[in-house]
Amino acid sequence: TLVEWAWGGFSVDNPTLTRFFALHFLLPFVIAGLTLVHLTLLHETGSNNPLGIPSDCDKIPFHPYYSTKDLLGFALM
């Protein structure tokens, strides 16, 4: 069963702790990797605009404005 596979037997023992430690160690790296892939694809292709309304008129550059805003927010925390 699934419980026996996850636990490594019928009781919580050394294989259980090893598996869950490995899972909790590797999972943040997997999530970070998937996030980087997602952001890269979003940066290259852009997000879709289902309404077709041009949104270029109200855009501001990310780097000077939002980078400074985020750094100030982190500094205040």
PDB file of N, CA and C in Angstrom:
ATOM      1  N   THR A   1       0.838  -1.187   0.000  1.00  0.00           N
ATOM      2  CA  THR A   1       0.000   0.000   0.000  1.00  0.00           C
ATOM      3  C   THR A   1       0.878   1.244   0.000  1.00  0.00           C
ATOM      4  N   LEU A   2       0.230   2.359  -0.140  1.00  0.00           N
ATOM      5  CA  LEU A   2       0.941   3.632  -0.165  1.00  0.00           C
ATOM      6  C   LEU A   2       1.571   3.948   1.193  1.00  0.00           C
ATOM      7  N   VAL A   3       0.899   3.599   2.261  1.00  0.00           N
ATOM      8  CA  VAL A   3       1.423   3.857   3.605  1.00  0.00           C
ATOM      9  C   VAL A   3       2.691   3.047   3.843  1.00  0.00           C
ATOM     10  N   GLU A   4       2.678   1.782   3.445  1.00  0.00           N
ATOM     11  CA  GLU A   4       3.871   0.956   3.623  1.00  0.00           C
ATOM     12  C   GLU A   4       5.032   1.489   2.797  1.00  0.00           C
ATOM     13  N   TRP A   5       4.751   1.986   1.603  1.00  0.00           N
ATOM     14  CA  TRP A   5       5.824   2.525   0.774  1.00  0.00           C
ATOM     15  C   TRP A   5       6.384   3.812   1.379  1.00  0.00           C
ATOM     16  N   ALA A   6       5.516   4.702   1.845  1.00  0.00           N
ATOM     17  CA  ALA A   6       5.973   5.971   2.406  1.00  0.00           C
ATOM     18  C   ALA A   6       6.697   5.764   3.728  1.00  0.00           C
ATOM     19  N   TRP A   7       6.174   4.877   4.565  1.00  0.00           N
ATOM     20  CA  TRP A   7       6.785   4.646   5.860  1.00  0.00           C
ATOM     21  C   TRP A   7       7.994   3.727   5.775  1.00  0.00           C
ATOM     22  N   GLY A   8       8.065   2.893   4.757  1.00  0.00           N
ATOM     23  CA  GLY A   8       9.145   1.921   4.660  1.00  0.00           C
ATOM     24  C   GLY A   8       8.853   0.673   5.466  1.00  0.00           C
ATOM     25  N   GLY A   9       7.637   0.457   5.827  1.00  0.00           N
ATOM     26  CA  GLY A   9       7.239  -0.703   6.626  1.00  0.00           C
ATOM     27  C   GLY A   9       5.921  -0.412   7.315  1.00  0.00           C
ATOM     28  N   PHE A  10       5.652  -1.192   8.354  1.00  0.00           N
ATOM     29  CA  PHE A  10       4.389  -1.022   9.067  1.00  0.00           C
ATOM     30  C   PHE A  10       4.492  -0.027  10.214  1.00  0.00           C
ATOM     31  N   SER A  11       5.695   0.399  10.545  1.00  0.00           N
ATOM     32  CA  SER A  11       5.862   1.347  11.645  1.00  0.00           C
ATOM     33  C   SER A  11       6.791   2.472  11.208  1.00  0.00           C
ATOM     34  N   VAL A  12       6.718   3.576  11.935  1.00  0.00           N
ATOM     35  CA  VAL A  12       7.595   4.704  11.664  1.00  0.00           C
ATOM     36  C   VAL A  12       8.960   4.365  12.242  1.00  0.00           C
ATOM     37  N   ASP A  13       9.956   4.292  11.347  1.00  0.00           N
ATOM     38  CA  ASP A  13      11.285   3.870  11.773  1.00  0.00           C
ATOM     39  C   ASP A  13      12.324   4.663  10.979  1.00  0.00           C
ATOM     40  N   ASN A  14      13.548   4.193  10.947  1.00  0.00           N
ATOM     41  CA  ASN A  14      14.638   4.890  10.279  1.00  0.00           C
ATOM     42  C   ASN A  14      14.377   5.134   8.788  1.00  0.00           C
ATOM     43  N   PRO A  15      13.852   4.172   8.020  1.00  0.00           N
ATOM     44  CA  PRO A  15      13.567   4.481   6.609  1.00  0.00           C
ATOM     45  C   PRO A  15      12.543   5.599   6.433  1.00  0.00           C
ATOM     46  N   THR A  16      11.584   5.672   7.333  1.00  0.00           N
ATOM     47  CA  THR A  16      10.581   6.736   7.265  1.00  0.00           C
ATOM     48  C   THR A  16      11.232   8.095   7.460  1.00  0.00           C
ATOM     49  N   LEU A  17      12.062   8.207   8.469  1.00  0.00           N
ATOM     50  CA  LEU A  17      12.716   9.482   8.751  1.00  0.00           C
ATOM     51  C   LEU A  17      13.651   9.880   7.621  1.00  0.00           C
ATOM     52  N   THR A  18      14.353   8.918   7.049  1.00  0.00           N
ATOM     53  CA  THR A  18      15.256   9.206   5.940  1.00  0.00           C
ATOM     54  C   THR A  18      14.483   9.712   4.734  1.00  0.00           C
ATOM     55  N   ARG A  19      13.374   9.072   4.421  1.00  0.00           N
ATOM     56  CA  ARG A  19      12.582   9.489   3.260  1.00  0.00           C
ATOM     57  C   ARG A  19      11.975  10.868   3.452  1.00  0.00           C
ATOM     58  N   PHE A  20      11.434  11.129   4.618  1.00  0.00           N
ATOM     59  CA  PHE A  20      10.814  12.429   4.833  1.00  0.00           C
ATOM     60  C   PHE A  20      11.849  13.543   4.965  1.00  0.00           C
ATOM     61  N   PHE A  21      13.037  13.234   5.493  1.00  0.00           N
ATOM     62  CA  PHE A  21      14.101  14.230   5.522  1.00  0.00           C
ATOM     63  C   PHE A  21      14.535  14.566   4.100  1.00  0.00           C
ATOM     64  N   ALA A  22      14.708  13.547   3.264  1.00  0.00           N
ATOM     65  CA  ALA A  22      15.098  13.782   1.872  1.00  0.00           C
ATOM     66  C   ALA A  22      14.028  14.591   1.141  1.00  0.00           C
ATOM     67  N   LEU A  23      12.763  14.264   1.380  1.00  0.00           N
ATOM     68  CA  LEU A  23      11.670  14.998   0.746  1.00  0.00           C
ATOM     69  C   LEU A  23      11.674  16.467   1.171  1.00  0.00           C
ATOM     70  N   HIS A  24      11.824  16.716   2.462  1.00  0.00           N
ATOM     71  CA  HIS A  24      11.792  18.089   2.955  1.00  0.00           C
ATOM     72  C   HIS A  24      13.051  18.859   2.595  1.00  0.00           C
ATOM     73  N   PHE A  25      14.137  18.167   2.314  1.00  0.00           N
ATOM     74  CA  PHE A  25      15.352  18.847   1.880  1.00  0.00           C
ATOM     75  C   PHE A  25      15.284  19.185   0.395  1.00  0.00           C
ATOM     76  N   LEU A  26      14.779  18.278  -0.422  1.00  0.00           N
ATOM     77  CA  LEU A  26      14.793  18.465  -1.872  1.00  0.00           C
ATOM     78  C   LEU A  26      13.623  19.292  -2.396  1.00  0.00           C
ATOM     79  N   LEU A  27      12.505  19.276  -1.707  1.00  0.00           N
ATOM     80  CA  LEU A  27      11.314  19.959  -2.204  1.00  0.00           C
ATOM     81  C   LEU A  27      11.511  21.463  -2.433  1.00  0.00           C
ATOM     82  N   PRO A  28      12.172  22.224  -1.558  1.00  0.00           N
ATOM     83  CA  PRO A  28      12.382  23.649  -1.854  1.00  0.00           C
ATOM     84  C   PRO A  28      13.214  23.888  -3.107  1.00  0.00           C
ATOM     85  N   PHE A  29      14.200  23.022  -3.372  1.00  0.00           N
ATOM     86  CA  PHE A  29      15.002  23.180  -4.580  1.00  0.00           C
ATOM     87  C   PHE A  29      14.179  22.886  -5.830  1.00  0.00           C
ATOM     88  N   VAL A  30      13.307  21.907  -5.751  1.00  0.00           N
ATOM     89  CA  VAL A  30      12.428  21.593  -6.879  1.00  0.00           C
ATOM     90  C   VAL A  30      11.478  22.760  -7.139  1.00  0.00           C
ATOM     91  N   ILE A  31      10.918  23.320  -6.079  1.00  0.00           N
ATOM     92  CA  ILE A  31      10.001  24.454  -6.232  1.00  0.00           C
ATOM     93  C   ILE A  31      10.738  25.670  -6.793  1.00  0.00           C
ATOM     94  N   ALA A  32      11.958  25.934  -6.312  1.00  0.00           N
ATOM     95  CA  ALA A  32      12.736  27.062  -6.827  1.00  0.00           C
ATOM     96  C   ALA A  32      13.077  26.859  -8.299  1.00  0.00           C
ATOM     97  N   GLY A  33      13.423  25.645  -8.679  1.00  0.00           N
ATOM     98  CA  GLY A  33      13.725  25.364 -10.080  1.00  0.00           C
ATOM     99  C   GLY A  33      12.517  25.557 -10.976  1.00  0.00           C
ATOM    100  N   LEU A  34      11.368  25.059 -10.545  1.00  0.00           N
ATOM    101  CA  LEU A  34      10.149  25.244 -11.333  1.00  0.00           C
ATOM    102  C   LEU A  34       9.756  26.718 -11.420  1.00  0.00           C
ATOM    103  N   THR A  35      10.004  27.468 -10.353  1.00  0.00           N
ATOM    104  CA  THR A  35       9.714  28.900 -10.375  1.00  0.00           C
ATOM    105  C   THR A  35      10.605  29.620 -11.377  1.00  0.00           C
ATOM    106  N   LEU A  36      11.894  29.268 -11.410  1.00  0.00           N
ATOM    107  CA  LEU A  36      12.801  29.887 -12.377  1.00  0.00           C
ATOM    108  C   LEU A  36      12.413  29.547 -13.811  1.00  0.00           C
ATOM    109  N   VAL A  37      12.031  28.306 -14.053  1.00  0.00           N
ATOM    110  CA  VAL A  37      11.582  27.926 -15.396  1.00  0.00           C
ATOM    111  C   VAL A  37      10.329  28.714 -15.766  1.00  0.00           C
ATOM    112  N   HIS A  38       9.402  28.834 -14.839  1.00  0.00           N
ATOM    113  CA  HIS A  38       8.162  29.575 -15.092  1.00  0.00           C
ATOM    114  C   HIS A  38       8.459  31.041 -15.404  1.00  0.00           C
ATOM    115  N   LEU A  39       9.310  31.681 -14.607  1.00  0.00           N
ATOM    116  CA  LEU A  39       9.618  33.088 -14.838  1.00  0.00           C
ATOM    117  C   LEU A  39      10.372  33.292 -16.144  1.00  0.00           C
ATOM    118  N   THR A  40      11.249  32.355 -16.492  1.00  0.00           N
ATOM    119  CA  THR A  40      11.970  32.455 -17.759  1.00  0.00           C
ATOM    120  C   THR A  40      11.010  32.356 -18.940  1.00  0.00           C
ATOM    121  N   LEU A  41      10.110  31.385 -18.897  1.00  0.00           N
ATOM    122  CA  LEU A  41       9.138  31.253 -19.982  1.00  0.00           C
ATOM    123  C   LEU A  41       8.207  32.458 -20.045  1.00  0.00           C
ATOM    124  N   LEU A  42       7.813  32.970 -18.900  1.00  0.00           N
ATOM    125  CA  LEU A  42       6.945  34.145 -18.875  1.00  0.00           C
ATOM    126  C   LEU A  42       7.667  35.366 -19.429  1.00  0.00           C
ATOM    127  N   HIS A  43       8.960  35.488 -19.141  1.00  0.00           N
ATOM    128  CA  HIS A  43       9.742  36.618 -19.633  1.00  0.00           C
ATOM    129  C   HIS A  43       9.926  36.537 -21.146  1.00  0.00           C
ATOM    130  N   GLU A  44      10.140  35.329 -21.664  1.00  0.00           N
ATOM    131  CA  GLU A  44      10.387  35.174 -23.100  1.00  0.00           C
ATOM    132  C   GLU A  44       9.112  35.297 -23.925  1.00  0.00           C
ATOM    133  N   THR A  45       8.033  34.699 -23.475  1.00  0.00           N
ATOM    134  CA  THR A  45       6.815  34.694 -24.284  1.00  0.00           C
ATOM    135  C   THR A  45       5.826  35.771 -23.872  1.00  0.00           C
ATOM    136  N   GLY A  46       5.895  36.217 -22.640  1.00  0.00           N
ATOM    137  CA  GLY A  46       4.945  37.204 -22.147  1.00  0.00           C
ATOM    138  C   GLY A  46       3.638  36.543 -21.754  1.00  0.00           C
ATOM    139  N   SER A  47       2.849  37.248 -20.992  1.00  0.00           N
ATOM    140  CA  SER A  47       1.542  36.715 -20.614  1.00  0.00           C
ATOM    141  C   SER A  47       0.535  37.096 -21.692  1.00  0.00           C
ATOM    142  N   ASN A  48      -0.524  36.334 -21.777  1.00  0.00           N
ATOM    143  CA  ASN A  48      -1.503  36.625 -22.829  1.00  0.00           C
ATOM    144  C   ASN A  48      -2.446  37.734 -22.391  1.00  0.00           C
ATOM    145  N   ASN A  49      -3.072  38.320 -23.353  1.00  0.00           N
ATOM    146  CA  ASN A  49      -3.995  39.420 -23.125  1.00  0.00           C
ATOM    147  C   ASN A  49      -5.338  39.026 -23.732  1.00  0.00           C
ATOM    148  N   PRO A  50      -6.216  38.367 -22.967  1.00  0.00           N
ATOM    149  CA  PRO A  50      -7.452  37.851 -23.558  1.00  0.00           C
ATOM    150  C   PRO A  50      -8.413  38.937 -24.042  1.00  0.00           C
ATOM    151  N   LEU A  51      -8.353  40.128 -23.481  1.00  0.00           N
ATOM    152  CA  LEU A  51      -9.268  41.188 -23.903  1.00  0.00           C
ATOM    153  C   LEU A  51      -8.779  41.917 -25.146  1.00  0.00           C
ATOM    154  N   GLY A  52      -7.486  41.850 -25.425  1.00  0.00           N
ATOM    155  CA  GLY A  52      -6.933  42.524 -26.590  1.00  0.00           C
ATOM    156  C   GLY A  52      -6.743  44.014 -26.407  1.00  0.00           C
ATOM    157  N   ILE A  53      -6.859  44.502 -25.187  1.00  0.00           N
ATOM    158  CA  ILE A  53      -6.693  45.929 -24.916  1.00  0.00           C
ATOM    159  C   ILE A  53      -5.200  46.232 -24.838  1.00  0.00           C
ATOM    160  N   PRO A  54      -4.707  47.203 -25.585  1.00  0.00           N
ATOM    161  CA  PRO A  54      -3.277  47.529 -25.489  1.00  0.00           C
ATOM    162  C   PRO A  54      -2.963  48.111 -24.112  1.00  0.00           C
ATOM    163  N   SER A  55      -1.989  47.527 -23.459  1.00  0.00           N
ATOM    164  CA  SER A  55      -1.650  47.969 -22.104  1.00  0.00           C
ATOM    165  C   SER A  55      -0.276  48.621 -22.055  1.00  0.00           C
ATOM    166  N   ASP A  56       0.258  49.022 -23.210  1.00  0.00           N
ATOM    167  CA  ASP A  56       1.583  49.630 -23.234  1.00  0.00           C
ATOM    168  C   ASP A  56       1.582  51.063 -22.715  1.00  0.00           C
ATOM    169  N   CYS A  57       0.426  51.697 -22.663  1.00  0.00           N
ATOM    170  CA  CYS A  57       0.380  53.109 -22.308  1.00  0.00           C
ATOM    171  C   CYS A  57       0.715  53.357 -20.837  1.00  0.00           C
ATOM    172  N   ASP A  58       0.428  52.410 -19.958  1.00  0.00           N
ATOM    173  CA  ASP A  58       0.651  52.647 -18.536  1.00  0.00           C
ATOM    174  C   ASP A  58       1.803  51.823 -17.969  1.00  0.00           C
ATOM    175  N   LYS A  59       2.697  51.344 -18.812  1.00  0.00           N
ATOM    176  CA  LYS A  59       3.822  50.545 -18.325  1.00  0.00           C
ATOM    177  C   LYS A  59       4.959  51.444 -17.865  1.00  0.00           C
ATOM    178  N   ILE A  60       5.612  51.013 -16.793  1.00  0.00           N
ATOM    179  CA  ILE A  60       6.825  51.677 -16.333  1.00  0.00           C
ATOM    180  C   ILE A  60       7.910  50.618 -16.247  1.00  0.00           C
ATOM    181  N   PRO A  61       9.174  50.987 -16.390  1.00  0.00           N
ATOM    182  CA  PRO A  61      10.240  49.986 -16.337  1.00  0.00           C
ATOM    183  C   PRO A  61      10.357  49.370 -14.949  1.00  0.00           C
ATOM    184  N   PHE A  62      10.688  48.081 -14.938  1.00  0.00           N
ATOM    185  CA  PHE A  62      10.759  47.356 -13.670  1.00  0.00           C
ATOM    186  C   PHE A  62      11.953  47.791 -12.842  1.00  0.00           C
ATOM    187  N   HIS A  63      13.132  47.840 -13.464  1.00  0.00           N
ATOM    188  CA  HIS A  63      14.368  47.951 -12.679  1.00  0.00           C
ATOM    189  C   HIS A  63      14.475  49.198 -11.815  1.00  0.00           C
ATOM    190  N   PRO A  64      14.405  50.388 -12.335  1.00  0.00           N
ATOM    191  CA  PRO A  64      14.651  51.480 -11.385  1.00  0.00           C
ATOM    192  C   PRO A  64      13.539  51.629 -10.352  1.00  0.00           C
ATOM    193  N   TYR A  65      12.287  51.456 -10.775  1.00  0.00           N
ATOM    194  CA  TYR A  65      11.196  51.753  -9.852  1.00  0.00           C
ATOM    195  C   TYR A  65      10.932  50.614  -8.882  1.00  0.00           C
ATOM    196  N   TYR A  66      10.601  49.441  -9.399  1.00  0.00           N
ATOM    197  CA  TYR A  66      10.201  48.339  -8.528  1.00  0.00           C
ATOM    198  C   TYR A  66      11.372  47.753  -7.750  1.00  0.00           C
ATOM    199  N   SER A  67      12.566  47.768  -8.325  1.00  0.00           N
ATOM    200  CA  SER A  67      13.731  47.268  -7.580  1.00  0.00           C
ATOM    201  C   SER A  67      13.983  48.135  -6.351  1.00  0.00           C
ATOM    202  N   THR A  68      13.924  49.441  -6.524  1.00  0.00           N
ATOM    203  CA  THR A  68      14.115  50.354  -5.391  1.00  0.00           C
ATOM    204  C   THR A  68      12.992  50.192  -4.375  1.00  0.00           C
ATOM    205  N   LYS A  69      11.780  50.058  -4.861  1.00  0.00           N
ATOM    206  CA  LYS A  69      10.632  49.883  -3.967  1.00  0.00           C
ATOM    207  C   LYS A  69      10.764  48.600  -3.147  1.00  0.00           C
ATOM    208  N   ASP A  70      11.169  47.493  -3.794  1.00  0.00           N
ATOM    209  CA  ASP A  70      11.337  46.229  -3.081  1.00  0.00           C
ATOM    210  C   ASP A  70      12.485  46.296  -2.084  1.00  0.00           C
ATOM    211  N   LEU A  71      13.600  46.902  -2.472  1.00  0.00           N
ATOM    212  CA  LEU A  71      14.727  47.027  -1.546  1.00  0.00           C
ATOM    213  C   LEU A  71      14.351  47.869  -0.331  1.00  0.00           C
ATOM    214  N   LEU A  72      13.599  48.927  -0.534  1.00  0.00           N
ATOM    215  CA  LEU A  72      13.147  49.746   0.587  1.00  0.00           C
ATOM    216  C   LEU A  72      12.213  48.949   1.493  1.00  0.00           C
ATOM    217  N   GLY A  73      11.335  48.156   0.895  1.00  0.00           N
ATOM    218  CA  GLY A  73      10.440  47.313   1.693  1.00  0.00           C
ATOM    219  C   GLY A  73      11.194  46.286   2.516  1.00  0.00           C
ATOM    220  N   PHE A  74      12.201  45.638   1.914  1.00  0.00           N
ATOM    221  CA  PHE A  74      13.011  44.673   2.663  1.00  0.00           C
ATOM    222  C   PHE A  74      13.809  45.357   3.765  1.00  0.00           C
ATOM    223  N   ALA A  75      14.288  46.572   3.503  1.00  0.00           N
ATOM    224  CA  ALA A  75      15.060  47.290   4.517  1.00  0.00           C
ATOM    225  C   ALA A  75      14.177  47.667   5.706  1.00  0.00           C
ATOM    226  N   LEU A  76      12.923  47.997   5.449  1.00  0.00           N
ATOM    227  CA  LEU A  76      12.024  48.375   6.535  1.00  0.00           C
ATOM    228  C   LEU A  76      11.560  47.177   7.353  1.00  0.00           C
ATOM    229  N   MET A  77      11.608  45.990   6.753  1.00  0.00           N
ATOM    230  CA  MET A  77      11.210  44.797   7.497  1.00  0.00           C
ATOM    231  C   MET A  77      12.264  44.494   8.528  1.00  0.00           C
TER     232      MET A  77
END
